[in-house]
Amino acid sequence: MQFIGELQEGANISGIYLCKNKQNLKTKAGKSYYSMILQDKTGTIDAKVWELNNGIEHFESMDFIKVDGMVTSFLGSLQVNVRRVRRTQEQEYNIQDYLPTSQFPIDGMMEELTGYIESIENPYLKALLESFFVEDAAFIKSFKEHSAAKSVHHGFVGGLLEHTLGVTKLCDFYCTRYPVLNRDLLLCAAMCHDIGKTEELSLFPANDYTDEGQLIGHIVGGTEMIHDHIKEIPNFPVGLANELKHCILAHHGELEYGSPKKPALVEALALNLADNTDAKMETMTELFASAADGLEWMGYNRMFESNLRRTSK
């Protein structure tokens, strides 16, 4: 099999891929074509069917399809020009080849993340973290398998865990530099800040927004999950609960970025900075990894509002 992560410009391909998304579009001249996102465990790639002829059999989004075509480059990113396509039978592929997965061992990351719980001194916050990450088997399984986003960053199996661990590590470092921070509160918030994504996004291969994700979102949904678990912990201080919930509600930093509240606590500010840092660094890392070899300038990126360039070697 030719994995997407190994494709190079000019290569002919003939392989089976998951059609993550399919759109029926028209050119400016009114000619119909298909725009698709193909996926395997190494990533995704844009694909186009410009000629809708007899070699293009019927297929839909989330179908596994046999694709024949050529790898080209468009605006600095690889793209597949598809010549032939057909739907495949289940026995033709191994589904494990089509789930993009973290490059780091998932069980190892989970062990490292839960190791932080032992360092939490506040008994209420420690009990809350254990209720999620030690005692709730269904949550743990879902948390380990979820992505952190549909497409922007950490969009792979284990992505939510990898992102959460990255944010927690950054927050732990902040506490060594800024004594004003309440380490127990900040690390608890870091570990819990995106737990709502287990309900906001469906599992792979769909990895798409659920009804709850569309209507409520992971920030409010995660805060509700924390509220429900806190109710099961006797005598959990109300003030501490409100401070933790505030950190979750404010972790996107700005109202226009989806946060119901702007940071009012120093821990909420630190969490926002750590979350933003890890998300943007991973986004840029993935952009560079998906670009054609030897390409220096990546082109204008709307997220960063800049024409991105690789650093000189």
Protein backbone atom coordinates (compact mmCIF):
# COMPACT_ATOMS: atom_id res chain seq x y z
CA MET A 1 0.00 0.00 0.00
CA GLN A 2 1.17 3.54 -0.78
CA PHE A 3 0.63 5.49 2.43
CA ILE A 4 -0.26 9.16 2.12
CA GLY A 5 2.65 10.22 4.31
CA GLU A 6 5.06 8.66 1.79
CA LEU A 7 3.60 10.20 -1.39
CA GLN A 8 5.73 12.51 -3.49
CA GLU A 9 4.92 14.90 -6.31
CA GLY A 10 4.82 13.19 -9.70
CA ALA A 11 4.16 9.70 -8.35
CA ASN A 12 1.47 7.47 -9.83
CA ILE A 13 -0.69 5.88 -7.17
CA SER A 14 -3.03 2.91 -7.12
CA GLY A 15 -4.38 2.14 -3.68
CA ILE A 16 -7.29 2.00 -1.29
CA TYR A 17 -8.09 5.03 0.88
CA LEU A 18 -10.87 6.25 3.10
CA CYS A 19 -12.85 9.02 1.43
CA LYS A 20 -13.14 11.29 4.46
CA ASN A 21 -15.12 13.92 2.59
CA LYS A 22 -16.62 14.33 -0.88
CA GLN A 23 -18.11 17.46 -2.46
CA ASN A 24 -19.80 17.84 -5.83
CA LEU A 25 -18.60 21.20 -7.16
CA LYS A 26 -18.46 23.19 -10.37
CA THR A 27 -15.62 25.07 -12.01
CA LYS A 28 -16.03 28.70 -13.01
CA ALA A 29 -16.90 27.40 -16.47
CA GLY A 30 -19.75 25.32 -15.02
CA LYS A 31 -18.06 21.91 -15.35
CA SER A 32 -18.81 19.43 -12.56
CA TYR A 33 -15.99 17.83 -10.55
CA TYR A 34 -15.44 16.06 -7.22
CA SER A 35 -13.33 17.50 -4.43
CA MET A 36 -12.30 14.95 -1.81
CA ILE A 37 -10.19 14.37 1.26
CA LEU A 38 -8.47 10.96 1.28
CA GLN A 39 -7.21 9.50 4.54
CA ASP A 40 -5.07 6.70 5.89
CA LYS A 41 -3.21 6.24 9.18
CA THR A 42 -0.40 8.56 8.07
CA GLY A 43 -2.63 11.55 7.33
CA THR A 44 -4.91 13.12 4.75
CA ILE A 45 -4.51 14.51 1.25
CA ASP A 46 -6.67 16.64 -1.00
CA ALA A 47 -7.89 14.91 -4.16
CA LYS A 48 -9.80 16.02 -7.25
CA VAL A 49 -11.75 14.16 -9.93
CA TRP A 50 -11.76 16.56 -12.85
CA GLU A 51 -13.17 14.16 -15.47
CA LEU A 52 -16.43 12.45 -14.47
CA ASN A 53 -16.30 9.55 -16.94
CA ASN A 54 -17.04 5.81 -16.89
CA GLY A 55 -13.89 5.20 -14.87
CA ILE A 56 -15.41 7.04 -11.92
CA GLU A 57 -17.85 4.70 -10.16
CA HIS A 58 -20.39 5.92 -7.60
CA PHE A 59 -19.09 6.48 -4.07
CA GLU A 60 -19.86 8.67 -1.07
CA SER A 61 -18.11 10.18 1.92
CA MET A 62 -16.80 7.60 4.42
CA ASP A 63 -16.53 4.91 1.72
CA PHE A 64 -13.29 3.02 1.25
CA ILE A 65 -12.34 3.52 -2.39
CA LYS A 66 -9.72 2.20 -4.81
CA VAL A 67 -8.02 5.20 -6.37
CA ASP A 68 -5.81 5.44 -9.45
CA GLY A 69 -4.21 8.78 -10.17
CA MET A 70 -1.17 11.03 -9.99
CA VAL A 71 0.24 13.12 -7.15
CA THR A 72 0.57 16.79 -8.05
CA SER A 73 1.29 19.96 -6.09
CA PHE A 74 -1.08 22.91 -5.58
CA LEU A 75 -0.20 26.00 -3.54
CA GLY A 76 2.60 24.15 -1.82
CA SER A 77 0.57 21.11 -0.78
CA LEU A 78 0.29 17.69 -2.37
CA GLN A 79 -2.90 16.80 -4.21
CA VAL A 80 -4.10 13.70 -6.06
CA ASN A 81 -5.47 14.03 -9.58
CA VAL A 82 -7.81 11.01 -9.70
CA ARG A 83 -8.33 9.17 -13.00
CA ARG A 84 -10.24 6.09 -11.81
CA VAL A 85 -12.14 5.22 -8.63
CA ARG A 86 -14.36 2.42 -7.34
CA ARG A 87 -15.87 1.40 -4.02
CA THR A 88 -14.13 -1.53 -2.32
CA GLN A 89 -15.29 -4.55 -0.38
CA GLU A 90 -14.53 -4.93 3.34
CA GLN A 91 -12.16 -7.85 2.77
CA GLU A 92 -9.95 -5.70 0.52
CA TYR A 93 -8.54 -3.51 3.30
CA ASN A 94 -7.40 -3.52 6.92
CA ILE A 95 -9.17 -0.73 8.78
CA GLN A 96 -6.13 -0.22 11.03
CA ASP A 97 -4.30 1.19 8.00
CA TYR A 98 -6.75 4.09 7.82
CA LEU A 99 -6.73 5.54 11.32
CA PRO A 100 -4.16 8.35 11.69
CA THR A 101 -2.45 7.71 15.02
CA SER A 102 -0.13 9.63 17.32
CA GLN A 103 3.56 8.98 16.74
CA PHE A 104 3.92 8.46 20.49
CA PRO A 105 2.81 5.29 22.38
CA ILE A 106 -0.71 5.92 23.63
CA ASP A 107 -0.40 3.82 26.80
CA GLY A 108 2.91 5.51 27.59
CA MET A 109 1.37 8.98 27.24
CA MET A 110 -1.56 7.97 29.42
CA GLU A 111 0.78 6.69 32.12
CA GLU A 112 2.75 9.93 32.00
CA LEU A 113 -0.42 12.04 32.20
CA THR A 114 -1.92 10.15 35.14
CA GLY A 115 1.47 10.36 36.88
CA TYR A 116 0.74 14.04 37.49
CA ILE A 117 -2.23 13.06 39.65
CA GLU A 118 0.11 11.71 42.33
CA SER A 119 1.68 15.16 42.66
CA ILE A 120 -1.64 16.91 43.31
CA GLU A 121 -1.87 17.83 47.01
CA ASN A 122 -5.44 19.16 47.15
CA PRO A 123 -7.58 16.12 48.07
CA TYR A 124 -10.68 17.36 46.22
CA LEU A 125 -8.90 18.08 42.94
CA LYS A 126 -7.02 14.80 43.22
CA ALA A 127 -10.28 12.91 43.76
CA LEU A 128 -11.82 14.66 40.76
CA LEU A 129 -8.93 13.73 38.49
CA GLU A 130 -9.03 10.13 39.71
CA SER A 131 -12.76 9.96 39.02
CA PHE A 132 -12.03 10.65 35.35
CA PHE A 133 -8.58 9.27 34.60
CA VAL A 134 -8.35 6.30 37.00
CA GLU A 135 -11.83 5.08 37.86
CA ASP A 136 -13.97 5.71 34.75
CA ALA A 137 -13.01 2.93 32.31
CA ALA A 138 -15.39 4.09 29.57
CA PHE A 139 -14.08 7.65 29.72
CA ILE A 140 -10.45 6.49 29.71
CA LYS A 141 -11.01 4.34 26.61
CA SER A 142 -12.74 7.19 24.79
CA PHE A 143 -10.15 9.75 25.89
CA LYS A 144 -7.28 7.61 24.57
CA GLU A 145 -8.95 7.04 21.19
CA HIS A 146 -10.20 10.56 20.48
CA SER A 147 -8.60 13.27 18.40
CA ALA A 148 -8.19 16.82 19.69
CA ALA A 149 -9.80 18.37 16.62
CA LYS A 150 -11.54 17.54 13.38
CA SER A 151 -8.74 18.90 11.24
CA VAL A 152 -6.76 21.86 12.66
CA HIS A 153 -4.34 20.15 15.07
CA HIS A 154 -3.87 16.73 16.69
CA GLY A 155 -6.52 15.30 14.35
CA PHE A 156 -5.57 11.68 14.94
CA VAL A 157 -6.16 8.74 17.29
CA GLY A 158 -4.46 9.68 20.55
CA GLY A 159 -4.48 13.35 19.56
CA LEU A 160 -6.61 14.44 22.51
CA LEU A 161 -4.29 12.63 24.91
CA GLU A 162 -1.14 13.99 23.22
CA HIS A 163 -2.48 17.56 23.29
CA THR A 164 -3.63 17.29 26.92
CA LEU A 165 -0.25 15.95 27.97
CA GLY A 166 1.50 18.76 26.10
CA VAL A 167 -0.64 21.43 27.77
CA THR A 168 -0.16 19.83 31.19
CA LYS A 169 3.63 19.79 30.74
CA LEU A 170 3.65 23.46 29.75
CA CYS A 171 1.51 24.38 32.75
CA ASP A 172 3.79 22.41 35.06
CA PHE A 173 6.74 24.39 33.70
CA TYR A 174 4.87 27.68 34.19
CA CYS A 175 4.52 26.81 37.87
CA THR A 176 8.32 26.56 38.24
CA ARG A 177 8.71 30.02 36.72
CA TYR A 178 5.73 31.88 38.22
CA PRO A 179 5.14 31.14 41.94
CA VAL A 180 1.88 33.10 41.83
CA LEU A 181 0.23 30.11 40.15
CA ASN A 182 -1.76 27.56 42.15
CA ARG A 183 -0.19 24.40 40.74
CA ASP A 184 -2.93 22.01 41.86
CA LEU A 185 -5.67 24.12 40.28
CA LEU A 186 -3.75 24.76 37.07
CA LEU A 187 -2.70 21.15 36.47
CA CYS A 188 -6.20 19.89 37.22
CA ALA A 189 -7.61 22.42 34.75
CA ALA A 190 -4.97 21.46 32.17
CA MET A 191 -5.83 17.77 32.40
CA CYS A 192 -9.55 18.49 32.20
CA HIS A 193 -9.66 21.41 29.79
CA ASP A 194 -10.64 19.38 26.70
CA ILE A 195 -12.48 16.40 28.19
CA GLY A 196 -15.64 17.73 26.53
CA LYS A 197 -14.17 16.72 23.18
CA THR A 198 -15.00 13.11 24.02
CA GLU A 199 -18.61 14.17 23.50
CA GLU A 200 -18.07 16.95 20.93
CA LEU A 201 -16.39 14.70 18.35
CA SER A 202 -17.24 11.20 17.20
CA LEU A 203 -14.60 8.51 17.13
CA PHE A 204 -12.72 7.51 13.99
CA PRO A 205 -13.15 6.92 11.17
CA ALA A 206 -15.81 9.66 11.18
CA ASN A 207 -14.06 12.06 13.60
CA ASP A 208 -16.81 14.60 13.02
CA TYR A 209 -18.94 16.87 15.18
CA THR A 210 -21.78 15.19 17.06
CA ASP A 211 -25.14 16.85 17.68
CA GLU A 212 -23.92 17.72 21.18
CA GLY A 213 -20.75 19.15 19.69
CA GLN A 214 -22.68 21.34 17.29
CA LEU A 215 -25.25 22.51 19.84
CA ILE A 216 -23.18 22.80 23.04
CA GLY A 217 -19.47 22.44 22.24
CA HIS A 218 -16.60 21.01 24.25
CA ILE A 219 -16.06 24.01 26.54
CA VAL A 220 -19.56 24.06 28.05
CA GLY A 221 -19.90 20.28 27.69
CA GLY A 222 -16.64 19.68 29.55
CA THR A 223 -17.68 22.08 32.30
CA GLU A 224 -20.93 20.11 32.69
CA MET A 225 -18.95 16.85 32.95
CA ILE A 226 -16.79 18.37 35.69
CA HIS A 227 -19.90 19.65 37.50
CA ASP A 228 -21.46 16.17 37.44
CA HIS A 229 -18.31 14.52 38.84
CA ILE A 230 -17.90 17.19 41.53
CA LYS A 231 -21.40 16.42 42.81
CA GLU A 232 -20.22 12.90 43.63
CA ILE A 233 -17.31 14.13 45.78
CA PRO A 234 -18.49 14.93 49.34
CA ASN A 235 -17.89 18.47 50.61
CA PHE A 236 -16.11 19.66 47.45
CA PRO A 237 -15.56 23.39 48.15
CA VAL A 238 -17.90 25.60 46.12
CA GLY A 239 -15.27 28.29 45.60
CA LEU A 240 -12.72 25.80 44.32
CA ALA A 241 -15.31 24.28 41.98
CA ASN A 242 -16.12 27.71 40.56
CA GLU A 243 -12.45 28.53 40.01
CA LEU A 244 -11.86 25.25 38.19
CA LYS A 245 -14.95 25.71 36.03
CA HIS A 246 -13.85 29.25 35.22
CA CYS A 247 -10.50 27.95 33.94
CA ILE A 248 -12.32 25.57 31.61
CA LEU A 249 -14.83 28.17 30.44
CA ALA A 250 -12.07 30.72 29.73
CA HIS A 251 -9.41 28.49 28.20
CA HIS A 252 -9.89 29.78 24.63
CA GLY A 253 -9.10 33.24 25.92
CA GLU A 254 -11.46 35.38 23.86
CA LEU A 255 -15.22 35.45 23.40
CA GLU A 256 -14.81 35.36 19.61
CA TYR A 257 -12.83 32.12 19.96
CA GLY A 258 -15.68 30.37 21.74
CA SER A 259 -14.91 31.05 25.39
CA PRO A 260 -18.03 31.99 27.39
CA LYS A 261 -15.73 33.91 29.74
CA LYS A 262 -12.41 35.74 29.40
CA PRO A 263 -9.68 34.76 31.89
CA ALA A 264 -10.13 36.38 35.29
CA LEU A 265 -7.75 34.11 37.23
CA VAL A 266 -4.02 33.86 36.65
CA GLU A 267 -4.45 30.09 36.29
CA ALA A 268 -7.05 30.61 33.57
CA LEU A 269 -4.63 32.89 31.72
CA ALA A 270 -1.81 30.36 32.02
CA LEU A 271 -4.08 27.57 30.73
CA ASN A 272 -5.12 29.69 27.74
CA LEU A 273 -1.48 30.42 26.88
CA ALA A 274 -0.46 26.77 27.19
CA ASP A 275 -3.41 25.55 25.14
CA ASN A 276 -2.76 28.12 22.42
CA THR A 277 0.96 27.34 22.34
CA ASP A 278 0.54 23.58 22.00
CA ALA A 279 -2.22 23.89 19.40
CA LYS A 280 -0.36 26.37 17.19
CA MET A 281 3.00 24.61 17.42
CA GLU A 282 1.39 21.33 16.41
CA THR A 283 -0.54 23.03 13.60
CA MET A 284 2.66 24.47 12.15
CA THR A 285 4.46 21.14 12.61
CA GLU A 286 1.72 19.36 10.66
CA LEU A 287 1.76 22.00 7.92
CA PHE A 288 5.49 21.54 7.37
CA ALA A 289 5.17 17.75 7.46
CA SER A 290 2.45 17.72 4.80
CA ALA A 291 4.20 20.14 2.42
CA ALA A 292 6.24 18.96 -0.54
CA ASP A 293 9.89 18.17 0.13
CA GLY A 294 12.21 21.08 -0.55
CA LEU A 295 9.42 23.65 -0.43
CA GLU A 296 10.46 26.66 1.66
CA TRP A 297 7.51 29.04 1.44
CA MET A 298 4.21 27.46 2.50
CA GLY A 299 1.96 30.23 1.22
CA TYR A 300 -0.49 32.40 3.15
CA ASN A 301 -2.16 30.70 6.11
CA ARG A 302 -5.40 32.16 7.45
CA MET A 303 -4.91 30.83 10.98
CA PHE A 304 -1.51 32.50 11.38
CA GLU A 305 -2.34 35.43 9.03
CA SER A 306 1.10 35.10 7.49
CA ASN A 307 2.96 33.60 4.56
CA LEU A 308 4.75 30.76 6.35
CA ARG A 309 8.31 29.66 5.61
CA ARG A 310 10.53 26.81 6.75
CA THR A 311 13.57 27.83 8.79
CA SER A 312 16.84 27.56 6.83
CA LYS A 313 18.84 24.45 7.54
